[in-house]
Each structure stands twice: as structure tokens, then as C-alpha cells.
Amino acid sequence: MGYSKEKEKYQVTEIDITLDTDDKEEQEREYINNITSRIMEIANDYIHRHPNIDICTSQGITELFKDIKRKYKADINNIKELNILWDIYTCICCTCRIKPTLMRFCIMVGIDATTMTTWVNGEYRVASGHSKSAQKWKSECESTLYDEVIQTGNIGCMFALKANYGYRDNIQIIQSDGRDQLPEYSREEIAARAKIVDMLPESPEDLPE
């Protein structure tokens, strides 16, 4: 990863991704590395062609993912490839300090948002592993938001937890068929989560600027 810091502004000038393949067979390691290299090539070409676009913003990174979609045709039927692309996607988000979302992942790989919803809800592609993976991806997005709330008290993340993950005032409710994919929490952590949702606004209009 390359970045510059001017007037305290974080800016990514290069994407560098290395996925962990130590426990993989040589053929699978090569498969993963080839996909990773291709996505990095597309991403870095985009960055160099558009120096005035800040990919560390919601709009900027979305445009990057659109470019990846145009130039890399993901095999939606191949759950192994999708899981690799998810790992690459989250690495890019982390590099750019942008929270991962299922919506942007859909943009990057060309999955319709309603299709992703059926996977998450266990209504479609269960036997193929798509549903299990989608539930795992959603849990990772939730975990990222929750960690941010715990560490910084971010109001936007608080509202996202309430709006998208079934959090309610004074009680933790996870409305998901993928309950077994969610992490287990201690009594203290559950109490902390309840305190967090109690502070959440009722609507987006109540969020601060």
C-alpha cells in the first residue's frame, strides 16, 4: 500500500494486497494469486488514470468498484471465486478506511442486490454454499460497524447497526437466519451493545452533520 499525508488527509495512491495462502495447495495458491493480481492491476490502473478521484470516499471507492466490475467478469456461480473476491474487497476497503458493505460488494462483482438478499435469508443457493458465505459476509460487515462504535462511538455506525442489523432500543435482536454465523458475546459485551442501541437515533434525520 502506498499513501500520502498532506494536511492530515489520508490518501491511497496504490493498492497492495497479499492474501494468506500458506495453508493452500500449490494449484489453489496460484488460482488465488492470479485473481488477486488481476484485481490489483485494475485498481492501480484506475488510481493512476484518475489522480483527482479520492478513493478514500464513498463515491470514489464506488467508482473504483464499478471499474473493477467492467474489467473483471466474476463467475457468480463459483462460490470459491466469490469468497476470494470478498477477501480482496475487504482488503481494499480497509486500505481506503471505508466500511465494507454488501451493496458495494455487489457492485464490484456484478450481483443483483435482491439476489444477495435471497442468499443472506437462506432462500436461494443454500446447497452451493452461497447462502452460508453471504451470511458470513454480512456478519463481517456488522462486526466492523460494531467495533467502530465500541472504539469511537461513531453515530453513523450506530444508526447503521439499528437500521440494517435488527438492533433495537434496550435490547439486542439479530433478525437473521444466519444466527449461527454471528459471534458469541459475553454478558458484559451484550450489556454494552444494549447501551449502544439505546443511544441510537430513531431516523437518519436525527443524525448529526
Protein backbone atom coordinates (compact mmCIF):
# COMPACT_ATOMS: atom_id res chain seq x y z
CA MET A 1 0.00 0.00 0.00
CA GLY A 2 1.20 3.46 -0.80
CA TYR A 3 -0.29 6.58 0.72
CA SER A 4 0.48 10.22 1.24
CA LYS A 5 -0.39 12.51 4.12
CA GLU A 6 -0.98 16.14 3.27
CA LYS A 7 -2.69 18.43 5.77
CA GLU A 8 -3.63 15.36 7.81
CA LYS A 9 -5.59 13.90 4.88
CA TYR A 10 -5.16 10.19 4.26
CA GLN A 11 -4.92 9.31 0.58
CA VAL A 12 -4.26 5.97 -1.09
CA THR A 13 -2.02 6.07 -4.15
CA GLU A 14 -1.58 2.33 -4.65
CA ILE A 15 -3.41 -0.87 -3.73
CA ASP A 16 -1.24 -3.73 -2.49
CA ILE A 17 -3.00 -6.96 -1.47
CA THR A 18 -1.50 -10.24 -0.28
CA LEU A 19 -3.96 -12.90 0.79
CA ASP A 20 -2.91 -15.65 3.17
CA THR A 21 -2.33 -18.81 1.11
CA ASP A 22 0.14 -20.64 3.36
CA ASP A 23 -2.28 -23.50 4.04
CA LYS A 24 -3.29 -23.91 0.38
CA GLU A 25 -2.10 -26.40 -2.21
CA GLU A 26 0.10 -25.00 -4.98
CA GLN A 27 -2.66 -25.06 -7.60
CA GLU A 28 -5.14 -23.27 -5.35
CA ARG A 29 -2.46 -20.80 -4.24
CA GLU A 30 -1.79 -19.92 -7.87
CA TYR A 31 -5.54 -19.55 -8.51
CA ILE A 32 -5.92 -17.11 -5.61
CA ASN A 33 -2.80 -15.14 -6.54
CA ASN A 34 -3.93 -14.79 -10.17
CA ILE A 35 -7.28 -13.30 -9.15
CA THR A 36 -5.62 -11.02 -6.60
CA SER A 37 -3.04 -9.79 -9.10
CA ARG A 38 -5.69 -9.05 -11.72
CA ILE A 39 -7.85 -7.04 -9.32
CA MET A 40 -4.79 -5.09 -8.09
CA GLU A 41 -3.81 -4.37 -11.68
CA ILE A 42 -7.27 -2.97 -12.46
CA ALA A 43 -7.41 -0.97 -9.23
CA ASN A 44 -3.97 0.59 -9.59
CA ASP A 45 -4.57 1.40 -13.25
CA TYR A 46 -7.77 3.20 -12.20
CA ILE A 47 -5.93 5.15 -9.49
CA HIS A 48 -3.21 6.23 -11.91
CA ARG A 49 -5.71 7.21 -14.62
CA HIS A 50 -7.83 9.22 -12.20
CA PRO A 51 -5.44 11.04 -9.85
CA ASN A 52 -8.13 13.57 -8.93
CA ILE A 53 -10.58 10.94 -7.67
CA ASP A 54 -10.23 10.24 -3.97
CA ILE A 55 -10.96 6.54 -3.48
CA CYS A 56 -10.98 7.10 0.27
CA THR A 57 -14.50 8.50 -0.06
CA SER A 58 -17.78 6.64 -0.56
CA GLN A 59 -18.25 7.99 -4.09
CA GLY A 60 -14.63 7.49 -5.07
CA ILE A 61 -14.38 3.88 -3.94
CA THR A 62 -17.74 3.06 -5.54
CA GLU A 63 -16.42 4.30 -8.88
CA LEU A 64 -13.35 2.11 -8.40
CA PHE A 65 -15.55 -0.94 -7.81
CA LYS A 66 -17.59 -0.11 -10.92
CA ASP A 67 -14.36 -0.10 -12.93
CA ILE A 68 -13.36 -3.47 -11.48
CA LYS A 69 -16.76 -4.88 -12.43
CA ARG A 70 -16.36 -3.65 -16.01
CA LYS A 71 -12.94 -5.25 -16.42
CA TYR A 72 -13.20 -8.39 -14.32
CA LYS A 73 -16.07 -10.76 -15.05
CA ALA A 74 -16.68 -12.73 -11.88
CA ASP A 75 -18.23 -16.19 -12.12
CA ILE A 76 -21.24 -15.75 -9.87
CA ASN A 77 -21.83 -19.50 -9.82
CA ASN A 78 -18.36 -20.15 -8.38
CA ILE A 79 -18.58 -19.61 -4.62
CA LYS A 80 -14.85 -20.25 -4.20
CA GLU A 81 -14.09 -17.32 -6.51
CA LEU A 82 -16.64 -15.12 -4.76
CA ASN A 83 -15.07 -15.82 -1.36
CA ILE A 84 -11.66 -14.86 -2.75
CA LEU A 85 -13.15 -11.68 -4.21
CA TRP A 86 -14.74 -10.89 -0.85
CA ASP A 87 -11.35 -11.10 0.85
CA ILE A 88 -9.88 -8.83 -1.82
CA TYR A 89 -12.82 -6.44 -1.50
CA THR A 90 -12.45 -6.13 2.28
CA CYS A 91 -8.71 -5.53 1.91
CA ILE A 92 -9.39 -2.65 -0.49
CA CYS A 93 -12.00 -1.22 1.89
CA CYS A 94 -9.59 -1.50 4.82
CA THR A 95 -6.81 0.15 2.82
CA CYS A 96 -9.12 3.05 1.96
CA ARG A 97 -10.57 3.21 5.50
CA ILE A 98 -14.08 2.61 4.16
CA LYS A 99 -16.53 0.27 5.89
CA PRO A 100 -17.34 -2.82 3.79
CA THR A 101 -20.96 -3.25 2.74
CA LEU A 102 -22.75 -5.98 0.84
CA MET A 103 -24.10 -3.32 -1.52
CA ARG A 104 -20.66 -2.24 -2.70
CA PHE A 105 -19.51 -5.85 -2.98
CA CYS A 106 -22.50 -6.46 -5.26
CA ILE A 107 -21.35 -3.54 -7.37
CA MET A 108 -17.81 -4.91 -7.63
CA VAL A 109 -18.75 -8.46 -8.65
CA GLY A 110 -21.98 -7.77 -10.53
CA ILE A 111 -24.50 -9.41 -8.21
CA ASP A 112 -28.01 -8.01 -8.07
CA ALA A 113 -28.80 -6.70 -4.58
CA THR A 114 -32.05 -8.69 -4.41
CA THR A 115 -30.13 -11.86 -5.25
CA MET A 116 -27.73 -11.18 -2.40
CA THR A 117 -30.71 -10.75 -0.07
CA THR A 118 -32.05 -14.19 -1.01
CA TRP A 119 -28.65 -15.69 -0.23
CA VAL A 120 -28.46 -13.95 3.14
CA ASN A 121 -32.00 -15.05 4.03
CA GLY A 122 -31.31 -18.65 3.06
CA GLU A 123 -33.92 -18.59 0.32
CA TYR A 124 -31.63 -19.44 -2.61
CA ARG A 125 -28.31 -21.12 -3.34
CA VAL A 126 -28.17 -22.89 0.03
CA ALA A 127 -26.66 -26.19 -1.12
CA SER A 128 -23.98 -24.45 -3.22
CA GLY A 129 -22.62 -22.57 -0.21
CA HIS A 130 -23.64 -19.14 -1.48
CA SER A 131 -26.10 -18.61 1.37
CA LYS A 132 -23.61 -19.57 4.08
CA SER A 133 -20.94 -17.30 2.61
CA ALA A 134 -23.34 -14.36 2.23
CA GLN A 135 -24.37 -14.70 5.87
CA LYS A 136 -20.70 -14.71 6.84
CA TRP A 137 -20.05 -11.59 4.74
CA LYS A 138 -22.97 -9.80 6.38
CA SER A 139 -21.68 -10.73 9.83
CA GLU A 140 -18.27 -9.29 8.95
CA CYS A 141 -19.91 -6.01 7.90
CA GLU A 142 -21.81 -5.92 11.19
CA SER A 143 -18.68 -6.67 13.20
CA THR A 144 -16.84 -3.80 11.51
CA LEU A 145 -19.61 -1.37 12.42
CA TYR A 146 -19.86 -2.65 15.98
CA ASP A 147 -16.11 -2.38 16.54
CA GLU A 148 -16.18 1.21 15.29
CA VAL A 149 -18.97 2.07 17.71
CA ILE A 150 -17.13 0.50 20.63
CA GLN A 151 -13.85 2.24 19.76
CA THR A 152 -15.10 5.68 18.68
CA GLY A 153 -18.82 5.98 19.41
CA ASN A 154 -19.43 6.77 15.72
CA ILE A 155 -23.06 7.93 15.38
CA GLY A 156 -23.33 6.90 11.73
CA CYS A 157 -22.25 3.36 12.55
CA MET A 158 -24.69 3.31 15.46
CA PHE A 159 -27.55 4.15 13.12
CA ALA A 160 -26.39 1.57 10.54
CA LEU A 161 -26.50 -1.13 13.22
CA LYS A 162 -30.03 -0.14 14.13
CA ALA A 163 -31.27 0.26 10.55
CA ASN A 164 -29.62 -2.76 8.93
CA TYR A 165 -28.91 -5.35 11.59
CA GLY A 166 -32.04 -5.52 13.71
CA TYR A 167 -30.72 -3.65 16.74
CA ARG A 168 -33.48 -2.14 18.89
CA ASP A 169 -33.65 0.13 21.91
CA ASN A 170 -32.51 -1.51 25.15
CA ILE A 171 -32.21 -5.00 23.63
CA GLN A 172 -30.11 -6.87 21.09
CA ILE A 173 -32.18 -8.50 18.37
CA ILE A 174 -30.45 -10.02 15.37
CA GLN A 175 -33.05 -10.61 12.68
CA SER A 176 -31.16 -13.03 10.52
CA ASP A 177 -31.44 -16.66 9.51
CA GLY A 178 -27.66 -16.81 9.86
CA ARG A 179 -27.59 -16.69 13.65
CA ASP A 180 -25.03 -19.47 13.77
CA GLN A 181 -22.67 -17.25 11.77
CA LEU A 182 -22.72 -14.47 14.36
CA PRO A 183 -20.03 -14.22 17.05
CA GLU A 184 -20.84 -15.16 20.63
CA TYR A 185 -20.77 -12.37 23.21
CA SER A 186 -20.18 -12.32 26.95
CA ARG A 187 -22.75 -10.81 29.33
CA GLU A 188 -20.63 -7.66 29.54
CA GLU A 189 -20.50 -7.31 25.75
CA ILE A 190 -24.25 -7.83 25.42
CA ALA A 191 -24.82 -5.16 28.07
CA ALA A 192 -22.54 -2.81 26.14
CA ARG A 193 -24.47 -3.47 22.92
CA ALA A 194 -27.77 -2.74 24.69
CA LYS A 195 -26.36 0.56 25.94
CA ILE A 196 -25.25 1.44 22.41
CA VAL A 197 -28.60 0.85 20.76
CA ASP A 198 -30.31 2.86 23.48
CA MET A 199 -28.36 5.90 22.23
CA LEU A 200 -29.31 5.40 18.58
CA PRO A 201 -31.48 7.98 16.81
CA GLU A 202 -34.88 6.93 15.53
CA SER A 203 -34.27 8.13 11.97
CA PRO A 204 -31.47 9.35 9.65
CA GLU A 205 -32.77 12.91 10.08
CA ASP A 206 -31.65 12.79 13.70
CA LEU A 207 -28.03 12.14 12.81
CA PRO A 208 -25.54 15.00 13.27
CA GLU A 209 -23.92 16.66 10.28
